[in-house]
C-alpha cells in the first residue's frame, strides 16, 4: 500500500523531502486500516502519528497541509476532481481529513479493480 500512496504523491511532484510526506503516508495507512478513524482524525490518526514521530498534533496537521498544498498546486487539483467526479473542488482545497479520505478511496477503487 505504501508504494501506491507514494506513486500517487510522486505523480504530482510531492516527494520525501516534505516533512508532511511521511505523516501523510502514515495517515492514509491508518485510515485504510479502519476508515472510521476519519471521524476523529485528531485522536485516531494525528495522535498516533505525533507520538510515533515525537512531535505535536499541530505539527502533524500543519505538515500534512503543506504536503496537500504542494500536491494541489502541482496538478493534484485536477487529479482530485477526476478521482471524485466532484467539480466543487474547483473552488476549494479539501481539508486534510478529506484529502486523506480521497486517497484512501482511490486506493480502495484500485484494489477492487485488480
PDB file of N, CA and C in Angstrom:
ATOM      1  N   UNK A   1       0.821  -1.183   0.000  1.00  0.00           N
ATOM      2  CA  UNK A   1       0.000   0.000   0.000  1.00  0.00           C
ATOM      3  C   UNK A   1       0.872   1.257   0.000  1.00  0.00           C
ATOM      4  N   UNK A   2       1.950   1.219   0.774  1.00  0.00           N
ATOM      5  CA  UNK A   2       2.825   2.378   0.851  1.00  0.00           C
ATOM      6  C   UNK A   2       3.322   2.777  -0.537  1.00  0.00           C
ATOM      7  N   UNK A   3       3.675   1.798  -1.357  1.00  0.00           N
ATOM      8  CA  UNK A   3       4.154   2.088  -2.711  1.00  0.00           C
ATOM      9  C   UNK A   3       3.098   2.799  -3.549  1.00  0.00           C
ATOM     10  N   UNK A   4       1.844   2.400  -3.392  1.00  0.00           N
ATOM     11  CA  UNK A   4       0.771   3.026  -4.164  1.00  0.00           C
ATOM     12  C   UNK A   4       0.540   4.474  -3.719  1.00  0.00           C
ATOM     13  N   UNK A   5       0.602   4.700  -2.411  1.00  0.00           N
ATOM     14  CA  UNK A   5       0.446   6.061  -1.887  1.00  0.00           C
ATOM     15  C   UNK A   5       1.576   6.935  -2.432  1.00  0.00           C
ATOM     16  N   UNK A   6       2.792   6.420  -2.349  1.00  0.00           N
ATOM     17  CA  UNK A   6       3.937   7.178  -2.837  1.00  0.00           C
ATOM     18  C   UNK A   6       3.840   7.454  -4.327  1.00  0.00           C
ATOM     19  N   UNK A   7       3.354   6.502  -5.075  1.00  0.00           N
ATOM     20  CA  UNK A   7       3.185   6.694  -6.509  1.00  0.00           C
ATOM     21  C   UNK A   7       2.206   7.836  -6.813  1.00  0.00           C
ATOM     22  N   UNK A   8       1.113   7.897  -6.058  1.00  0.00           N
ATOM     23  CA  UNK A   8       0.152   8.990  -6.240  1.00  0.00           C
ATOM     24  C   UNK A   8       0.795  10.330  -5.912  1.00  0.00           C
ATOM     25  N   UNK A   9       1.571  10.378  -4.852  1.00  0.00           N
ATOM     26  CA  UNK A   9       2.238  11.615  -4.462  1.00  0.00           C
ATOM     27  C   UNK A   9       3.316  12.007  -5.480  1.00  0.00           C
ATOM     28  N   UNK A  10       4.105  11.048  -5.914  1.00  0.00           N
ATOM     29  CA  UNK A  10       5.160  11.318  -6.892  1.00  0.00           C
ATOM     30  C   UNK A  10       4.578  11.854  -8.195  1.00  0.00           C
ATOM     31  N   UNK A  11       3.380  11.405  -8.543  1.00  0.00           N
ATOM     32  CA  UNK A  11       2.787  11.791  -9.826  1.00  0.00           C
ATOM     33  C   UNK A  11       2.578  13.295  -9.954  1.00  0.00           C
ATOM     34  N   UNK A  12       2.574  13.997  -8.834  1.00  0.00           N
ATOM     35  CA  UNK A  12       2.442  15.460  -8.879  1.00  0.00           C
ATOM     36  C   UNK A  12       3.628  16.139  -8.176  1.00  0.00           C
ATOM     37  N   UNK A  13       4.733  15.447  -8.086  1.00  0.00           N
ATOM     38  CA  UNK A  13       5.949  16.051  -7.558  1.00  0.00           C
ATOM     39  C   UNK A  13       6.009  16.239  -6.060  1.00  0.00           C
ATOM     40  N   UNK A  14       5.228  15.468  -5.316  1.00  0.00           N
ATOM     41  CA  UNK A  14       5.287  15.530  -3.852  1.00  0.00           C
ATOM     42  C   UNK A  14       6.238  14.424  -3.388  1.00  0.00           C
ATOM     43  N   UNK A  15       7.418  14.818  -2.954  1.00  0.00           N
ATOM     44  CA  UNK A  15       8.464  13.863  -2.620  1.00  0.00           C
ATOM     45  C   UNK A  15       8.787  13.843  -1.129  1.00  0.00           C
ATOM     46  N   UNK A  16       9.683  12.944  -0.754  1.00  0.00           N
ATOM     47  CA  UNK A  16      10.017  12.698   0.640  1.00  0.00           C
ATOM     48  C   UNK A  16      10.564  13.901   1.385  1.00  0.00           C
ATOM     49  N   UNK A  17      11.113  14.878   0.701  1.00  0.00           N
ATOM     50  CA  UNK A  17      11.720  15.991   1.428  1.00  0.00           C
ATOM     51  C   UNK A  17      10.688  16.892   2.111  1.00  0.00           C
ATOM     52  N   UNK A  18       9.414  16.696   1.821  1.00  0.00           N
ATOM     53  CA  UNK A  18       8.368  17.400   2.564  1.00  0.00           C
ATOM     54  C   UNK A  18       8.123  16.635   3.854  1.00  0.00           C
ATOM     55  N   UNK A  19       8.216  17.315   4.983  1.00  0.00           N
ATOM     56  CA  UNK A  19       8.045  16.640   6.260  1.00  0.00           C
ATOM     57  C   UNK A  19       6.667  15.977   6.344  1.00  0.00           C
ATOM     58  N   UNK A  20       5.670  16.608   5.802  1.00  0.00           N
ATOM     59  CA  UNK A  20       4.326  16.052   5.829  1.00  0.00           C
ATOM     60  C   UNK A  20       4.176  14.777   5.017  1.00  0.00           C
ATOM     61  N   UNK A  21       5.146  14.491   4.168  1.00  0.00           N
ATOM     62  CA  UNK A  21       5.094  13.305   3.316  1.00  0.00           C
ATOM     63  C   UNK A  21       4.941  12.039   4.151  1.00  0.00           C
ATOM     64  N   UNK A  22       5.848  11.823   5.091  1.00  0.00           N
ATOM     65  CA  UNK A  22       5.769  10.584   5.882  1.00  0.00           C
ATOM     66  C   UNK A  22       4.533  10.591   6.775  1.00  0.00           C
ATOM     67  N   UNK A  23       4.165  11.752   7.300  1.00  0.00           N
ATOM     68  CA  UNK A  23       2.960  11.837   8.119  1.00  0.00           C
ATOM     69  C   UNK A  23       1.730  11.483   7.286  1.00  0.00           C
ATOM     70  N   UNK A  24       1.693  11.981   6.061  1.00  0.00           N
ATOM     71  CA  UNK A  24       0.549  11.706   5.198  1.00  0.00           C
ATOM     72  C   UNK A  24       0.466  10.223   4.852  1.00  0.00           C
ATOM     73  N   UNK A  25       1.591   9.629   4.518  1.00  0.00           N
ATOM     74  CA  UNK A  25       1.607   8.191   4.205  1.00  0.00           C
ATOM     75  C   UNK A  25       1.093   7.399   5.409  1.00  0.00           C
ATOM     76  N   UNK A  26       1.569   7.743   6.594  1.00  0.00           N
ATOM     77  CA  UNK A  26       1.118   7.063   7.813  1.00  0.00           C
ATOM     78  C   UNK A  26      -0.383   7.272   8.027  1.00  0.00           C
ATOM     79  N   UNK A  27      -0.857   8.491   7.786  1.00  0.00           N
ATOM     80  CA  UNK A  27      -2.275   8.806   7.981  1.00  0.00           C
ATOM     81  C   UNK A  27      -3.156   7.998   7.034  1.00  0.00           C
ATOM     82  N   UNK A  28      -2.750   7.902   5.790  1.00  0.00           N
ATOM     83  CA  UNK A  28      -3.535   7.127   4.819  1.00  0.00           C
ATOM     84  C   UNK A  28      -3.552   5.660   5.201  1.00  0.00           C
ATOM     85  N   UNK A  29      -2.423   5.146   5.643  1.00  0.00           N
ATOM     86  CA  UNK A  29      -2.370   3.740   6.035  1.00  0.00           C
ATOM     87  C   UNK A  29      -3.265   3.472   7.245  1.00  0.00           C
ATOM     88  N   UNK A  30      -3.263   4.380   8.225  1.00  0.00           N
ATOM     89  CA  UNK A  30      -4.143   4.216   9.387  1.00  0.00           C
ATOM     90  C   UNK A  30      -5.613   4.279   8.974  1.00  0.00           C
ATOM     91  N   UNK A  31      -5.947   5.226   8.106  1.00  0.00           N
ATOM     92  CA  UNK A  31      -7.340   5.368   7.665  1.00  0.00           C
ATOM     93  C   UNK A  31      -7.769   4.187   6.802  1.00  0.00           C
ATOM     94  N   UNK A  32      -6.856   3.656   6.018  1.00  0.00           N
ATOM     95  CA  UNK A  32      -7.196   2.500   5.183  1.00  0.00           C
ATOM     96  C   UNK A  32      -7.445   1.259   6.042  1.00  0.00           C
ATOM     97  N   UNK A  33      -6.696   1.133   7.126  1.00  0.00           N
ATOM     98  CA  UNK A  33      -6.902   0.018   8.062  1.00  0.00           C
ATOM     99  C   UNK A  33      -8.289   0.066   8.678  1.00  0.00           C
ATOM    100  N   UNK A  34      -8.716   1.282   9.019  1.00  0.00           N
ATOM    101  CA  UNK A  34     -10.012   1.470   9.666  1.00  0.00           C
ATOM    102  C   UNK A  34     -10.565   2.844   9.263  1.00  0.00           C
ATOM    103  N   UNK A  35     -11.405   2.899   8.218  1.00  0.00           N
ATOM    104  CA  UNK A  35     -11.941   4.176   7.737  1.00  0.00           C
ATOM    105  C   UNK A  35     -12.705   4.979   8.793  1.00  0.00           C
ATOM    106  N   UNK A  36     -13.177   4.324   9.839  1.00  0.00           N
ATOM    107  CA  UNK A  36     -13.884   5.054  10.904  1.00  0.00           C
ATOM    108  C   UNK A  36     -12.966   6.028  11.630  1.00  0.00           C
ATOM    109  N   UNK A  37     -11.673   5.834  11.503  1.00  0.00           N
ATOM    110  CA  UNK A  37     -10.719   6.761  12.119  1.00  0.00           C
ATOM    111  C   UNK A  37     -10.881   8.174  11.563  1.00  0.00           C
ATOM    112  N   UNK A  38     -11.406   8.279  10.360  1.00  0.00           N
ATOM    113  CA  UNK A  38     -11.596   9.599   9.753  1.00  0.00           C
ATOM    114  C   UNK A  38     -12.658  10.429  10.471  1.00  0.00           C
ATOM    115  N   UNK A  39     -13.455   9.806  11.318  1.00  0.00           N
ATOM    116  CA  UNK A  39     -14.464  10.561  12.064  1.00  0.00           C
ATOM    117  C   UNK A  39     -13.857  11.357  13.207  1.00  0.00           C
ATOM    118  N   UNK A  40     -12.668  10.966  13.642  1.00  0.00           N
ATOM    119  CA  UNK A  40     -11.972  11.699  14.694  1.00  0.00           C
ATOM    120  C   UNK A  40     -10.481  11.702  14.371  1.00  0.00           C
ATOM    121  N   UNK A  41     -10.132  12.481  13.371  1.00  0.00           N
ATOM    122  CA  UNK A  41      -8.769  12.488  12.837  1.00  0.00           C
ATOM    123  C   UNK A  41      -7.735  12.853  13.895  1.00  0.00           C
ATOM    124  N   UNK A  42      -8.015  13.860  14.694  1.00  0.00           N
ATOM    125  CA  UNK A  42      -7.026  14.289  15.701  1.00  0.00           C
ATOM    126  C   UNK A  42      -6.687  13.162  16.660  1.00  0.00           C
ATOM    127  N   UNK A  43      -7.690  12.524  17.180  1.00  0.00           N
ATOM    128  CA  UNK A  43      -7.478  11.496  18.199  1.00  0.00           C
ATOM    129  C   UNK A  43      -6.991  10.173  17.608  1.00  0.00           C
ATOM    130  N   UNK A  44      -7.568   9.770  16.488  1.00  0.00           N
ATOM    131  CA  UNK A  44      -7.303   8.426  15.984  1.00  0.00           C
ATOM    132  C   UNK A  44      -6.250   8.346  14.880  1.00  0.00           C
ATOM    133  N   UNK A  45      -5.873   9.483  14.319  1.00  0.00           N
ATOM    134  CA  UNK A  45      -4.839   9.466  13.278  1.00  0.00           C
ATOM    135  C   UNK A  45      -3.660  10.350  13.673  1.00  0.00           C
ATOM    136  N   UNK A  46      -3.916  11.622  13.966  1.00  0.00           N
ATOM    137  CA  UNK A  46      -2.816  12.534  14.278  1.00  0.00           C
ATOM    138  C   UNK A  46      -2.100  12.168  15.579  1.00  0.00           C
ATOM    139  N   UNK A  47      -2.834  11.759  16.598  1.00  0.00           N
ATOM    140  CA  UNK A  47      -2.198  11.423  17.875  1.00  0.00           C
ATOM    141  C   UNK A  47      -1.200  10.284  17.740  1.00  0.00           C
ATOM    142  N   UNK A  48      -1.575   9.137  17.130  1.00  0.00           N
ATOM    143  CA  UNK A  48      -0.575   8.070  16.997  1.00  0.00           C
ATOM    144  C   UNK A  48       0.621   8.475  16.138  1.00  0.00           C
ATOM    145  N   UNK A  49       0.382   9.298  15.113  1.00  0.00           N
ATOM    146  CA  UNK A  49       1.487   9.753  14.263  1.00  0.00           C
ATOM    147  C   UNK A  49       2.405  10.672  15.057  1.00  0.00           C
ATOM    148  N   UNK A  50       1.811  11.609  15.801  1.00  0.00           N
ATOM    149  CA  UNK A  50       2.610  12.536  16.615  1.00  0.00           C
ATOM    150  C   UNK A  50       3.439  11.776  17.641  1.00  0.00           C
ATOM    151  N   UNK A  51       2.829  10.824  18.306  1.00  0.00           N
ATOM    152  CA  UNK A  51       3.553  10.043  19.312  1.00  0.00           C
ATOM    153  C   UNK A  51       4.688   9.240  18.683  1.00  0.00           C
ATOM    154  N   UNK A  52       4.423   8.608  17.565  1.00  0.00           N
ATOM    155  CA  UNK A  52       5.444   7.789  16.903  1.00  0.00           C
ATOM    156  C   UNK A  52       6.606   8.628  16.377  1.00  0.00           C
ATOM    157  N   UNK A  53       6.336   9.888  16.056  1.00  0.00           N
ATOM    158  CA  UNK A  53       7.365  10.751  15.469  1.00  0.00           C
ATOM    159  C   UNK A  53       7.870  11.821  16.441  1.00  0.00           C
ATOM    160  N   UNK A  54       7.470  11.715  17.712  1.00  0.00           N
ATOM    161  CA  UNK A  54       7.922  12.641  18.757  1.00  0.00           C
ATOM    162  C   UNK A  54       7.700  14.106  18.370  1.00  0.00           C
ATOM    163  N   UNK A  55       6.463  14.382  17.967  1.00  0.00           N
ATOM    164  CA  UNK A  55       6.095  15.741  17.600  1.00  0.00           C
ATOM    165  C   UNK A  55       4.699  16.038  18.150  1.00  0.00           C
ATOM    166  N   UNK A  56       4.110  17.137  17.732  1.00  0.00           N
ATOM    167  CA  UNK A  56       2.796  17.531  18.233  1.00  0.00           C
ATOM    168  C   UNK A  56       1.712  17.314  17.189  1.00  0.00           C
ATOM    169  N   UNK A  57       0.463  17.272  17.653  1.00  0.00           N
ATOM    170  CA  UNK A  57      -0.677  17.172  16.731  1.00  0.00           C
ATOM    171  C   UNK A  57      -0.670  18.342  15.756  1.00  0.00           C
ATOM    172  N   UNK A  58      -0.370  19.513  16.281  1.00  0.00           N
ATOM    173  CA  UNK A  58      -0.332  20.721  15.464  1.00  0.00           C
ATOM    174  C   UNK A  58       0.688  20.603  14.331  1.00  0.00           C
ATOM    175  N   UNK A  59       1.860  20.059  14.635  1.00  0.00           N
ATOM    176  CA  UNK A  59       2.872  19.878  13.591  1.00  0.00           C
ATOM    177  C   UNK A  59       2.437  18.860  12.548  1.00  0.00           C
ATOM    178  N   UNK A  60       1.819  17.779  12.989  1.00  0.00           N
ATOM    179  CA  UNK A  60       1.331  16.771  12.043  1.00  0.00           C
ATOM    180  C   UNK A  60       0.312  17.406  11.102  1.00  0.00           C
ATOM    181  N   UNK A  61      -0.648  18.121  11.651  1.00  0.00           N
ATOM    182  CA  UNK A  61      -1.674  18.777  10.850  1.00  0.00           C
ATOM    183  C   UNK A  61      -1.050  19.793   9.886  1.00  0.00           C
ATOM    184  N   UNK A  62      -0.172  20.650  10.398  1.00  0.00           N
ATOM    185  CA  UNK A  62       0.468  21.684   9.576  1.00  0.00           C
ATOM    186  C   UNK A  62       1.268  21.054   8.440  1.00  0.00           C
ATOM    187  N   UNK A  63       2.019  20.017   8.742  1.00  0.00           N
ATOM    188  CA  UNK A  63       2.867  19.402   7.730  1.00  0.00           C
ATOM    189  C   UNK A  63       2.050  18.645   6.683  1.00  0.00           C
ATOM    190  N   UNK A  64       0.951  18.035   7.078  1.00  0.00           N
ATOM    191  CA  UNK A  64       0.066  17.390   6.096  1.00  0.00           C
ATOM    192  C   UNK A  64      -0.577  18.451   5.215  1.00  0.00           C
ATOM    193  N   UNK A  65      -0.942  19.598   5.794  1.00  0.00           N
ATOM    194  CA  UNK A  65      -1.492  20.708   4.995  1.00  0.00           C
ATOM    195  C   UNK A  65      -0.466  21.201   3.971  1.00  0.00           C
ATOM    196  N   UNK A  66       0.793  21.289   4.388  1.00  0.00           N
ATOM    197  CA  UNK A  66       1.849  21.729   3.465  1.00  0.00           C
ATOM    198  C   UNK A  66       1.964  20.760   2.288  1.00  0.00           C
ATOM    199  N   UNK A  67       1.960  19.473   2.587  1.00  0.00           N
ATOM    200  CA  UNK A  67       2.027  18.471   1.525  1.00  0.00           C
ATOM    201  C   UNK A  67       0.795  18.574   0.625  1.00  0.00           C
ATOM    202  N   UNK A  68      -0.385  18.706   1.232  1.00  0.00           N
ATOM    203  CA  UNK A  68      -1.623  18.853   0.453  1.00  0.00           C
ATOM    204  C   UNK A  68      -1.530  20.057  -0.475  1.00  0.00           C
ATOM    205  N   UNK A  69      -1.027  21.174   0.026  1.00  0.00           N
ATOM    206  CA  UNK A  69      -0.911  22.389  -0.785  1.00  0.00           C
ATOM    207  C   UNK A  69       0.020  22.173  -1.966  1.00  0.00           C
ATOM    208  N   UNK A  70       1.148  21.505  -1.721  1.00  0.00           N
ATOM    209  CA  UNK A  70       2.068  21.216  -2.823  1.00  0.00           C
ATOM    210  C   UNK A  70       1.396  20.296  -3.845  1.00  0.00           C
ATOM    211  N   UNK A  71       0.749  19.277  -3.372  1.00  0.00           N
ATOM    212  CA  UNK A  71       0.011  18.348  -4.236  1.00  0.00           C
ATOM    213  C   UNK A  71      -0.998  19.133  -5.079  1.00  0.00           C
ATOM    214  N   UNK A  72      -1.768  19.975  -4.410  1.00  0.00           N
ATOM    215  CA  UNK A  72      -2.833  20.759  -5.040  1.00  0.00           C
ATOM    216  C   UNK A  72      -2.289  21.671  -6.133  1.00  0.00           C
ATOM    217  N   UNK A  73      -1.193  22.337  -5.848  1.00  0.00           N
ATOM    218  CA  UNK A  73      -0.638  23.337  -6.767  1.00  0.00           C
ATOM    219  C   UNK A  73       0.141  22.749  -7.933  1.00  0.00           C
ATOM    220  N   UNK A  74       0.365  21.453  -7.933  1.00  0.00           N
ATOM    221  CA  UNK A  74       1.163  20.819  -8.984  1.00  0.00           C
ATOM    222  C   UNK A  74       0.394  19.751  -9.749  1.00  0.00           C
ATOM    223  N   UNK A  75      -0.873  20.001  -9.982  1.00  0.00           N
ATOM    224  CA  UNK A  75      -1.685  19.074 -10.763  1.00  0.00           C
ATOM    225  C   UNK A  75      -2.623  18.219  -9.948  1.00  0.00           C
ATOM    226  N   UNK A  76      -2.498  18.272  -8.639  1.00  0.00           N
ATOM    227  CA  UNK A  76      -3.351  17.460  -7.784  1.00  0.00           C
ATOM    228  C   UNK A  76      -4.807  17.883  -7.799  1.00  0.00           C
ATOM    229  N   UNK A  77      -5.041  19.176  -7.992  1.00  0.00           N
ATOM    230  CA  UNK A  77      -6.425  19.663  -8.044  1.00  0.00           C
ATOM    231  C   UNK A  77      -7.193  18.927  -9.135  1.00  0.00           C
ATOM    232  N   UNK A  78      -6.605  18.860 -10.306  1.00  0.00           N
ATOM    233  CA  UNK A  78      -7.251  18.171 -11.428  1.00  0.00           C
ATOM    234  C   UNK A  78      -7.414  16.682 -11.142  1.00  0.00           C
ATOM    235  N   UNK A  79      -6.414  16.093 -10.503  1.00  0.00           N
ATOM    236  CA  UNK A  79      -6.495  14.665 -10.164  1.00  0.00           C
ATOM    237  C   UNK A  79      -7.627  14.402  -9.189  1.00  0.00           C
ATOM    238  N   UNK A  80      -7.780  15.271  -8.183  1.00  0.00           N
ATOM    239  CA  UNK A  80      -8.846  15.097  -7.194  1.00  0.00           C
ATOM    240  C   UNK A  80     -10.209  15.234  -7.838  1.00  0.00           C
ATOM    241  N   UNK A  81     -10.359  16.195  -8.725  1.00  0.00           N
ATOM    242  CA  UNK A  81     -11.630  16.358  -9.436  1.00  0.00           C
ATOM    243  C   UNK A  81     -11.914  15.115 -10.270  1.00  0.00           C
ATOM    244  N   UNK A  82     -10.895  14.603 -10.939  1.00  0.00           N
ATOM    245  CA  UNK A  82     -11.039  13.390 -11.743  1.00  0.00           C
ATOM    246  C   UNK A  82     -11.407  12.186 -10.871  1.00  0.00           C
ATOM    247  N   UNK A  83     -10.714  12.009  -9.760  1.00  0.00           N
ATOM    248  CA  UNK A  83     -10.947  10.859  -8.884  1.00  0.00           C
ATOM    249  C   UNK A  83     -12.325  10.887  -8.243  1.00  0.00           C
ATOM    250  N   UNK A  84     -12.759  12.075  -7.833  1.00  0.00           N
ATOM    251  CA  UNK A  84     -14.020  12.173  -7.096  1.00  0.00           C
ATOM    252  C   UNK A  84     -15.218  12.441  -7.993  1.00  0.00           C
ATOM    253  N   UNK A  85     -14.964  12.983  -9.178  1.00  0.00           N
ATOM    254  CA  UNK A  85     -16.064  13.372 -10.050  1.00  0.00           C
ATOM    255  C   UNK A  85     -16.819  14.575  -9.516  1.00  0.00           C
ATOM    256  N   UNK A  86     -16.182  15.327  -8.643  1.00  0.00           N
ATOM    257  CA  UNK A  86     -16.834  16.451  -7.961  1.00  0.00           C
ATOM    258  C   UNK A  86     -16.180  17.768  -8.372  1.00  0.00           C
ATOM    259  N   UNK A  87     -16.935  18.606  -9.065  1.00  0.00           N
ATOM    260  CA  UNK A  87     -16.395  19.882  -9.525  1.00  0.00           C
ATOM    261  C   UNK A  87     -16.307  20.921  -8.409  1.00  0.00           C
ATOM    262  N   UNK A  88     -16.856  20.623  -7.241  1.00  0.00           N
ATOM    263  CA  UNK A  88     -16.775  21.564  -6.114  1.00  0.00           C
ATOM    264  C   UNK A  88     -15.330  21.835  -5.720  1.00  0.00           C
ATOM    265  N   UNK A  89     -14.433  20.896  -6.035  1.00  0.00           N
ATOM    266  CA  UNK A  89     -13.021  21.085  -5.694  1.00  0.00           C
ATOM    267  C   UNK A  89     -12.368  22.161  -6.547  1.00  0.00           C
ATOM    268  N   UNK A  90     -13.055  22.655  -7.568  1.00  0.00           N
ATOM    269  CA  UNK A  90     -12.532  23.772  -8.356  1.00  0.00           C
ATOM    270  C   UNK A  90     -12.317  24.992  -7.474  1.00  0.00           C
ATOM    271  N   UNK A  91     -13.219  25.195  -6.525  1.00  0.00           N
ATOM    272  CA  UNK A  91     -13.230  26.417  -5.720  1.00  0.00           C
ATOM    273  C   UNK A  91     -12.495  26.300  -4.394  1.00  0.00           C
ATOM    274  N   UNK A  92     -12.223  25.088  -3.947  1.00  0.00           N
ATOM    275  CA  UNK A  92     -11.679  24.939  -2.587  1.00  0.00           C
ATOM    276  C   UNK A  92     -10.850  23.678  -2.454  1.00  0.00           C
ATOM    277  N   UNK A  93      -9.755  23.793  -1.711  1.00  0.00           N
ATOM    278  CA  UNK A  93      -8.922  22.625  -1.403  1.00  0.00           C
ATOM    279  C   UNK A  93      -9.648  21.767  -0.377  1.00  0.00           C
ATOM    280  N   UNK A  94      -9.439  20.456  -0.439  1.00  0.00           N
ATOM    281  CA  UNK A  94     -10.013  19.615   0.620  1.00  0.00           C
ATOM    282  C   UNK A  94      -9.276  19.849   1.937  1.00  0.00           C
ATOM    283  N   UNK A  95      -9.983  19.705   3.033  1.00  0.00           N
ATOM    284  CA  UNK A  95      -9.332  19.713   4.343  1.00  0.00           C
ATOM    285  C   UNK A  95      -8.424  18.491   4.409  1.00  0.00           C
ATOM    286  N   UNK A  96      -7.428  18.493   5.274  1.00  0.00           N
ATOM    287  CA  UNK A  96      -6.533  17.335   5.367  1.00  0.00           C
ATOM    288  C   UNK A  96      -7.282  16.013   5.541  1.00  0.00           C
ATOM    289  N   UNK A  97      -8.316  15.994   6.375  1.00  0.00           N
ATOM    290  CA  UNK A  97      -9.058  14.745   6.581  1.00  0.00           C
ATOM    291  C   UNK A  97      -9.761  14.318   5.290  1.00  0.00           C
ATOM    292  N   UNK A  98     -10.252  15.269   4.511  1.00  0.00           N
ATOM    293  CA  UNK A  98     -10.878  14.940   3.226  1.00  0.00           C
ATOM    294  C   UNK A  98      -9.835  14.437   2.237  1.00  0.00           C
ATOM    295  N   UNK A  99      -8.675  15.062   2.247  1.00  0.00           N
ATOM    296  CA  UNK A  99      -7.582  14.653   1.369  1.00  0.00           C
ATOM    297  C   UNK A  99      -7.160  13.216   1.678  1.00  0.00           C
ATOM    298  N   UNK A 100      -7.019  12.907   2.948  1.00  0.00           N
ATOM    299  CA  UNK A 100      -6.687  11.540   3.368  1.00  0.00           C
ATOM    300  C   UNK A 100      -7.779  10.582   2.890  1.00  0.00           C
ATOM    301  N   UNK A 101      -9.036  10.952   3.121  1.00  0.00           N
ATOM    302  CA  UNK A 101     -10.158  10.108   2.722  1.00  0.00           C
ATOM    303  C   UNK A 101     -10.218   9.873   1.224  1.00  0.00           C
ATOM    304  N   UNK A 102      -9.919  10.900   0.440  1.00  0.00           N
ATOM    305  CA  UNK A 102      -9.926  10.761  -1.021  1.00  0.00           C
ATOM    306  C   UNK A 102      -8.871   9.760  -1.456  1.00  0.00           C
ATOM    307  N   UNK A 103      -7.684   9.864  -0.898  1.00  0.00           N
ATOM    308  CA  UNK A 103      -6.613   8.937  -1.282  1.00  0.00           C
ATOM    309  C   UNK A 103      -6.946   7.512  -0.846  1.00  0.00           C
ATOM    310  N   UNK A 104      -7.535   7.354   0.328  1.00  0.00           N
ATOM    311  CA  UNK A 104      -7.964   6.023   0.773  1.00  0.00           C
ATOM    312  C   UNK A 104      -8.953   5.444  -0.236  1.00  0.00           C
ATOM    313  N   UNK A 105      -9.898   6.263  -0.664  1.00  0.00           N
ATOM    314  CA  UNK A 105     -10.915   5.805  -1.625  1.00  0.00           C
ATOM    315  C   UNK A 105     -10.298   5.431  -2.971  1.00  0.00           C
ATOM    316  N   UNK A 106      -9.338   6.226  -3.436  1.00  0.00           N
ATOM    317  CA  UNK A 106      -8.642   5.919  -4.690  1.00  0.00           C
ATOM    318  C   UNK A 106      -7.951   4.566  -4.583  1.00  0.00           C
ATOM    319  N   UNK A 107      -7.279   4.332  -3.456  1.00  0.00           N
ATOM    320  CA  UNK A 107      -6.599   3.056  -3.258  1.00  0.00           C
ATOM    321  C   UNK A 107      -7.582   1.902  -3.203  1.00  0.00           C
ATOM    322  N   UNK A 108      -8.708   2.108  -2.533  1.00  0.00           N
ATOM    323  CA  UNK A 108      -9.755   1.062  -2.470  1.00  0.00           C
ATOM    324  C   UNK A 108     -10.282   0.751  -3.867  1.00  0.00           C
ATOM    325  N   UNK A 109     -10.510   1.787  -4.668  1.00  0.00           N
ATOM    326  CA  UNK A 109     -11.015   1.580  -6.027  1.00  0.00           C
ATOM    327  C   UNK A 109     -10.011   0.827  -6.885  1.00  0.00           C
ATOM    328  N   UNK A 110      -8.736   1.170  -6.756  1.00  0.00           N
ATOM    329  CA  UNK A 110      -7.696   0.456  -7.498  1.00  0.00           C
ATOM    330  C   UNK A 110      -7.654  -1.014  -7.103  1.00  0.00           C
ATOM    331  N   UNK A 111      -7.776  -1.251  -5.805  1.00  0.00           N
ATOM    332  CA  UNK A 111      -7.731  -2.614  -5.265  1.00  0.00           C
ATOM    333  C   UNK A 111      -8.897  -3.442  -5.803  1.00  0.00           C
ATOM    334  N   UNK A 112     -10.089  -2.838  -5.839  1.00  0.00           N
ATOM    335  CA  UNK A 112     -11.268  -3.583  -6.290  1.00  0.00           C
ATOM    336  C   UNK A 112     -11.258  -3.826  -7.794  1.00  0.00           C
ATOM    337  N   UNK A 113     -10.509  -3.026  -8.546  1.00  0.00           N
ATOM    338  CA  UNK A 113     -10.429  -3.205  -9.994  1.00  0.00           C
ATOM    339  C   UNK A 113      -9.424  -4.268 -10.390  1.00  0.00           C
ATOM    340  N   UNK A 114      -8.524  -4.607  -9.465  1.00  0.00           N
ATOM    341  CA  UNK A 114      -7.493  -5.615  -9.770  1.00  0.00           C
ATOM    342  C   UNK A 114      -7.932  -7.000  -9.422  1.00  0.00           C
TER     343      UNK A 114
END
